[in-house]
Amino acid sequence: MIVSFHPCFGADKYIICAGRKPDDNDLAAIKAADAVILSQGCDEALYKMASKNCSNVFPDYEAKFKYPGKTGQIHLFRKAKVPHPESIIYFNVDSFKKDFDTILEKFSFPIVFKFDWGGEGDNVFLLNSAIDLEDALNRAEIFESTGHTGFLIQEYIPSQSRSLRVVVIGQKFISYWRIQNNAEEFCTSLASGAVLDFDADPDLQEAAVKSAKHFCKKTGINLAGFDFLFSSEVNIKEPLFLEINYFFGRKGLGGSEKYYQILESEIQKWIKSLNLNEGK
């Protein structure tokens, strides 16, 4: 039996769990299931219930919940030993101030300041001076007063104002550039005005896809958008892991309708690969 908690994927048993915590009825359905399909936005409680009580769960969000936020992703990149911009993680402003000399030794302006939360370029800032850094720390202190803590300082990678997005959906990988033509805008997200390019530098796209596939094999991730940077100041172009977006825009995939077509096809392939009818 296939149980689906995804609003756009039908199955033997379909359950709506949006807006509520999973309950005993959900648990019973999961325990009886051969496979469970979860929505892209499922919360940690539902994911943990599914993964602990059914051996086949899509998507695999183990890494998402074990390594949460931007700081968690840095820990994951380190554990997986993949290349990424050098980063220092801070729990709060006080810990940063105690480590200020380390920052001066490792980094020079410009540097990148990232709060622990947000995606698609939200809460990411390019700092060009000590004044910019002071402003960012003041903003961090305001967030801390509301209970939101954690940020990181990251090496700035000159990349000709572009980043490469590699989306994994099941076993399918799709890549495209996001290019920012506004010189006053640091972020390369489409929301900030970047444009799509599917054709430029196919060799670099291939290298990033290869890195993403290897990383997914290590971590189990099978539904996410990876952002990569390529430094414009080195001759050997190595894809640098920048961020993992478990929620990602669909424009580069052809829109929501096309995305759901791909998603349904990949889920069906995943179910077929489980060979659930063998021996029955």
Protein backbone atom coordinates (compact mmCIF):
# COMPACT_ATOMS: atom_id res chain seq x y z
CA MET A 1 0.00 0.00 0.00
CA ILE A 2 1.22 3.48 -0.91
CA VAL A 3 0.27 6.29 1.48
CA SER A 4 0.51 9.88 0.24
CA PHE A 5 0.59 13.03 2.30
CA HIS A 6 1.31 15.03 -0.86
CA PRO A 7 -1.64 17.12 -2.10
CA CYS A 8 -0.71 16.55 -5.74
CA PHE A 9 0.12 12.85 -5.68
CA GLY A 10 -2.64 10.30 -5.44
CA ALA A 11 -2.06 6.88 -3.86
CA ASP A 12 -3.84 3.93 -2.27
CA LYS A 13 -4.45 6.09 0.78
CA TYR A 14 -4.39 9.89 0.67
CA ILE A 15 -4.09 11.93 3.87
CA ILE A 16 -4.14 15.69 4.38
CA CYS A 17 -1.87 16.74 7.23
CA ALA A 18 -1.36 20.42 6.42
CA GLY A 19 -1.98 22.75 9.33
CA ARG A 20 -1.99 20.07 12.02
CA LYS A 21 0.34 17.75 13.86
CA PRO A 22 0.43 14.08 12.82
CA ASP A 23 -1.75 11.88 15.02
CA ASP A 24 -2.34 8.21 15.83
CA ASN A 25 -4.38 7.68 12.65
CA ASP A 26 -1.45 8.95 10.58
CA LEU A 27 0.89 6.67 12.48
CA ALA A 28 -1.31 3.64 11.85
CA ALA A 29 -1.46 4.42 8.13
CA ILE A 30 2.31 4.84 7.96
CA LYS A 31 2.97 1.57 9.77
CA ALA A 32 0.70 -0.25 7.32
CA ALA A 33 2.31 1.36 4.27
CA ASP A 34 4.89 -0.12 1.94
CA ALA A 35 5.93 3.40 0.97
CA VAL A 36 5.08 6.93 2.08
CA ILE A 37 5.04 10.05 -0.07
CA LEU A 38 5.45 13.36 1.75
CA SER A 39 4.95 16.91 0.56
CA GLN A 40 7.87 19.23 -0.12
CA GLY A 41 6.85 21.29 2.89
CA CYS A 42 6.27 18.50 5.40
CA ASP A 43 7.32 19.36 8.94
CA GLU A 44 9.89 17.54 11.03
CA ALA A 45 7.32 15.73 13.17
CA LEU A 46 5.64 14.09 10.18
CA TYR A 47 8.95 13.26 8.54
CA LYS A 48 10.32 11.62 11.67
CA MET A 49 7.11 9.66 12.18
CA ALA A 50 7.28 8.40 8.60
CA SER A 51 11.00 7.61 8.52
CA LYS A 52 10.91 5.74 11.85
CA ASN A 53 7.92 3.61 10.92
CA CYS A 54 8.31 2.97 7.19
CA SER A 55 11.47 1.94 5.38
CA ASN A 56 10.51 3.70 2.14
CA VAL A 57 9.88 7.46 2.36
CA PHE A 58 10.05 10.11 -0.37
CA PRO A 59 11.56 12.67 -0.24
CA ASP A 60 14.56 11.82 1.91
CA TYR A 61 14.77 14.77 4.31
CA GLU A 62 17.18 13.22 6.81
CA ALA A 63 19.87 15.79 5.99
CA LYS A 64 17.38 18.67 6.00
CA PHE A 65 16.34 18.11 9.59
CA LYS A 66 19.69 16.85 10.90
CA TYR A 67 21.55 19.86 9.48
CA PRO A 68 19.02 22.73 9.62
CA GLY A 69 19.56 26.26 8.41
CA LYS A 70 22.51 27.80 6.64
CA THR A 71 24.85 26.99 9.51
CA GLY A 72 23.72 23.37 9.48
CA GLN A 73 24.48 23.17 5.77
CA ILE A 74 28.04 24.31 6.40
CA HIS A 75 28.41 21.47 8.91
CA LEU A 76 27.05 19.07 6.29
CA PHE A 77 29.42 20.36 3.60
CA ARG A 78 32.31 19.88 5.99
CA LYS A 79 31.23 16.38 6.92
CA ALA A 80 30.84 15.42 3.26
CA LYS A 81 34.20 17.07 2.50
CA VAL A 82 32.89 19.04 -0.48
CA PRO A 83 34.41 22.35 -1.61
CA HIS A 84 32.56 25.45 -0.41
CA PRO A 85 33.40 29.05 0.47
CA GLU A 86 35.32 29.29 3.73
CA SER A 87 32.86 30.05 6.51
CA ILE A 88 32.84 30.74 10.24
CA ILE A 89 29.67 30.02 12.21
CA TYR A 90 28.52 32.09 15.16
CA PHE A 91 25.68 31.36 17.56
CA ASN A 92 25.27 35.03 18.51
CA VAL A 93 26.88 38.46 18.36
CA ASP A 94 28.77 37.96 21.64
CA SER A 95 30.54 34.88 20.27
CA PHE A 96 31.49 36.88 17.18
CA LYS A 97 32.95 39.74 19.23
CA LYS A 98 35.10 37.29 21.21
CA ASP A 99 36.43 35.92 17.91
CA PHE A 100 36.92 39.22 16.12
CA ASP A 101 40.69 38.79 15.71
CA THR A 102 40.10 35.50 13.89
CA ILE A 103 37.88 37.28 11.39
CA LEU A 104 40.56 39.88 10.69
CA GLU A 105 43.13 37.13 10.14
CA LYS A 106 41.02 35.01 7.81
CA PHE A 107 39.00 37.51 5.82
CA SER A 108 39.28 40.90 4.20
CA PHE A 109 36.42 42.93 2.79
CA PRO A 110 34.24 42.27 0.95
CA ILE A 111 32.77 39.43 3.00
CA VAL A 112 29.37 37.74 3.01
CA PHE A 113 27.10 37.80 6.06
CA LYS A 114 24.32 35.21 6.27
CA PHE A 115 21.65 34.77 8.88
CA ASP A 116 20.85 31.16 9.69
CA TRP A 117 17.39 31.26 8.14
CA GLY A 118 15.88 32.23 4.80
CA GLY A 119 16.28 30.99 1.25
CA GLU A 120 16.62 32.24 -2.32
CA GLY A 121 18.93 35.06 -1.19
CA ASP A 122 16.90 36.19 1.83
CA ASN A 123 18.98 37.45 4.77
CA VAL A 124 22.24 37.35 2.82
CA PHE A 125 24.35 40.52 2.63
CA LEU A 126 27.58 41.60 0.96
CA LEU A 127 29.63 43.66 3.41
CA ASN A 128 32.18 46.03 1.92
CA SER A 129 33.38 47.82 5.04
CA ALA A 130 33.55 47.80 8.83
CA ILE A 131 30.49 50.07 8.84
CA ASP A 132 28.53 47.46 6.87
CA LEU A 133 29.64 44.82 9.37
CA GLU A 134 28.53 46.96 12.30
CA ASP A 135 25.12 47.41 10.67
CA ALA A 136 24.79 43.65 10.15
CA LEU A 137 25.69 42.94 13.78
CA ASN A 138 23.16 45.52 14.97
CA ARG A 139 20.54 43.74 12.87
CA ALA A 140 21.63 40.42 14.37
CA GLU A 141 21.20 41.80 17.90
CA ILE A 142 17.66 42.89 17.04
CA PHE A 143 16.87 39.38 15.78
CA GLU A 144 18.41 37.88 18.92
CA SER A 145 16.09 39.95 21.08
CA THR A 146 13.18 38.12 19.40
CA GLY A 147 14.76 34.69 19.84
CA HIS A 148 16.29 34.29 16.36
CA THR A 149 19.98 33.46 16.65
CA GLY A 150 22.83 32.27 14.48
CA PHE A 151 24.74 33.63 11.51
CA LEU A 152 27.88 33.00 9.56
CA ILE A 153 30.65 35.01 7.99
CA GLN A 154 31.65 33.68 4.60
CA GLU A 155 34.42 34.23 2.11
CA TYR A 156 33.31 36.31 -0.88
CA ILE A 157 33.71 34.43 -4.16
CA PRO A 158 33.87 36.66 -7.26
CA SER A 159 31.71 34.84 -9.80
CA GLN A 160 30.78 37.33 -12.53
CA SER A 161 27.43 37.93 -10.82
CA ARG A 162 26.08 34.49 -11.54
CA SER A 163 25.35 31.25 -9.73
CA LEU A 164 24.46 27.81 -11.01
CA ARG A 165 21.33 26.09 -9.75
CA VAL A 166 21.21 22.29 -9.91
CA VAL A 167 17.82 20.83 -9.02
CA VAL A 168 17.47 17.18 -8.04
CA ILE A 169 14.05 15.56 -8.30
CA GLY A 170 14.33 11.86 -7.63
CA GLN A 171 17.04 10.69 -10.01
CA LYS A 172 16.65 13.64 -12.38
CA PHE A 173 19.09 16.58 -12.31
CA ILE A 174 18.39 19.90 -14.04
CA SER A 175 20.90 22.77 -14.19
CA TYR A 176 20.75 26.41 -15.24
CA TRP A 177 22.55 29.68 -14.59
CA ARG A 178 21.04 32.64 -12.79
CA ILE A 179 22.73 35.83 -13.97
CA GLN A 180 22.41 39.18 -12.25
CA ASN A 181 22.78 42.09 -14.69
CA ASN A 182 22.09 44.78 -12.10
CA ALA A 183 25.50 45.88 -10.84
CA GLU A 184 23.94 47.26 -7.66
CA GLU A 185 22.37 43.91 -6.74
CA PHE A 186 24.48 41.27 -5.00
CA CYS A 187 21.99 38.40 -4.97
CA THR A 188 21.57 36.17 -8.05
CA SER A 189 18.09 34.87 -7.25
CA LEU A 190 15.32 35.35 -9.79
CA ALA A 191 13.39 37.29 -7.14
CA SER A 192 16.18 39.88 -7.13
CA GLY A 193 16.02 40.31 -10.90
CA ALA A 194 18.45 37.68 -12.17
CA VAL A 195 17.79 36.05 -15.54
CA LEU A 196 18.01 32.43 -16.62
CA ASP A 197 20.61 30.95 -18.95
CA PHE A 198 20.42 27.24 -19.74
CA ASP A 199 23.20 27.10 -22.32
CA ALA A 200 26.30 28.93 -21.07
CA ASP A 201 29.40 26.94 -20.10
CA PRO A 202 28.00 23.41 -20.45
CA ASP A 203 31.28 22.00 -19.13
CA LEU A 204 30.84 23.86 -15.84
CA GLN A 205 27.22 22.77 -15.65
CA GLU A 206 28.29 19.17 -16.16
CA ALA A 207 30.91 19.49 -13.41
CA ALA A 208 28.35 20.88 -10.95
CA VAL A 209 25.79 18.20 -11.79
CA LYS A 210 28.46 15.55 -11.24
CA SER A 211 29.27 17.09 -7.83
CA ALA A 212 25.58 17.25 -6.92
CA LYS A 213 25.04 13.60 -7.86
CA HIS A 214 27.98 12.51 -5.74
CA PHE A 215 26.75 14.60 -2.82
CA CYS A 216 23.22 13.23 -3.11
CA LYS A 217 24.56 9.69 -3.12
CA LYS A 218 26.40 10.46 0.13
CA THR A 219 23.55 12.24 1.88
CA GLY A 220 20.41 10.66 0.42
CA ILE A 221 19.00 14.03 -0.68
CA ASN A 222 16.59 13.54 -3.59
CA LEU A 223 14.52 16.73 -3.67
CA ALA A 224 16.37 20.04 -3.45
CA GLY A 225 17.94 22.91 -5.34
CA PHE A 226 21.71 23.25 -4.96
CA ASP A 227 23.44 26.56 -5.57
CA PHE A 228 27.01 26.51 -6.86
CA LEU A 229 29.58 29.22 -7.46
CA PHE A 230 32.57 29.17 -9.79
CA SER A 231 35.33 31.63 -8.92
CA SER A 232 36.21 33.98 -11.77
CA GLU A 233 39.71 34.47 -10.30
CA VAL A 234 41.05 30.93 -10.76
CA ASN A 235 41.97 29.06 -13.93
CA ILE A 236 40.74 25.65 -12.80
CA LYS A 237 37.00 26.00 -12.34
CA GLU A 238 35.80 23.97 -9.38
CA PRO A 239 32.11 23.98 -8.37
CA LEU A 240 31.76 25.38 -4.85
CA PHE A 241 28.70 24.33 -2.87
CA LEU A 242 26.95 27.47 -1.68
CA GLU A 243 23.54 26.48 -0.33
CA ILE A 244 20.83 23.81 -0.37
CA ASN A 245 17.27 25.00 -0.98
CA TYR A 246 14.64 22.45 0.00
CA PHE A 247 12.08 24.96 -1.24
CA PHE A 248 13.08 26.21 -4.67
CA GLY A 249 11.63 28.29 -7.46
CA ARG A 250 10.11 26.50 -10.43
CA LYS A 251 10.58 29.03 -13.21
CA GLY A 252 13.84 27.40 -14.26
CA LEU A 253 12.02 24.07 -14.44
CA GLY A 254 9.33 25.37 -16.80
CA GLY A 255 6.80 26.43 -14.15
CA SER A 256 4.75 24.64 -11.51
CA GLU A 257 2.85 22.41 -13.95
CA LYS A 258 6.05 21.12 -15.48
CA TYR A 259 7.59 20.67 -12.04
CA TYR A 260 4.69 18.51 -10.86
CA GLN A 261 4.90 16.44 -14.04
CA ILE A 262 8.56 15.74 -13.35
CA LEU A 263 7.89 15.10 -9.67
CA GLU A 264 5.10 12.61 -10.33
CA SER A 265 7.20 10.79 -12.92
CA GLU A 266 10.18 10.54 -10.56
CA ILE A 267 8.03 9.35 -7.66
CA GLN A 268 6.55 6.65 -9.88
CA LYS A 269 10.05 5.58 -10.90
CA TRP A 270 11.08 5.52 -7.25
CA ILE A 271 8.08 3.35 -6.31
CA LYS A 272 8.83 0.99 -9.19
CA SER A 273 12.46 0.69 -8.05
CA LEU A 274 11.28 -0.59 -4.67
CA ASN A 275 9.92 -3.78 -6.28
CA LEU A 276 7.09 -3.86 -3.77
CA ASN A 277 5.22 -6.65 -5.56
CA GLU A 278 8.17 -9.05 -5.63
CA GLY A 279 7.44 -12.21 -3.70
CA LYS A 280 3.74 -11.42 -3.32
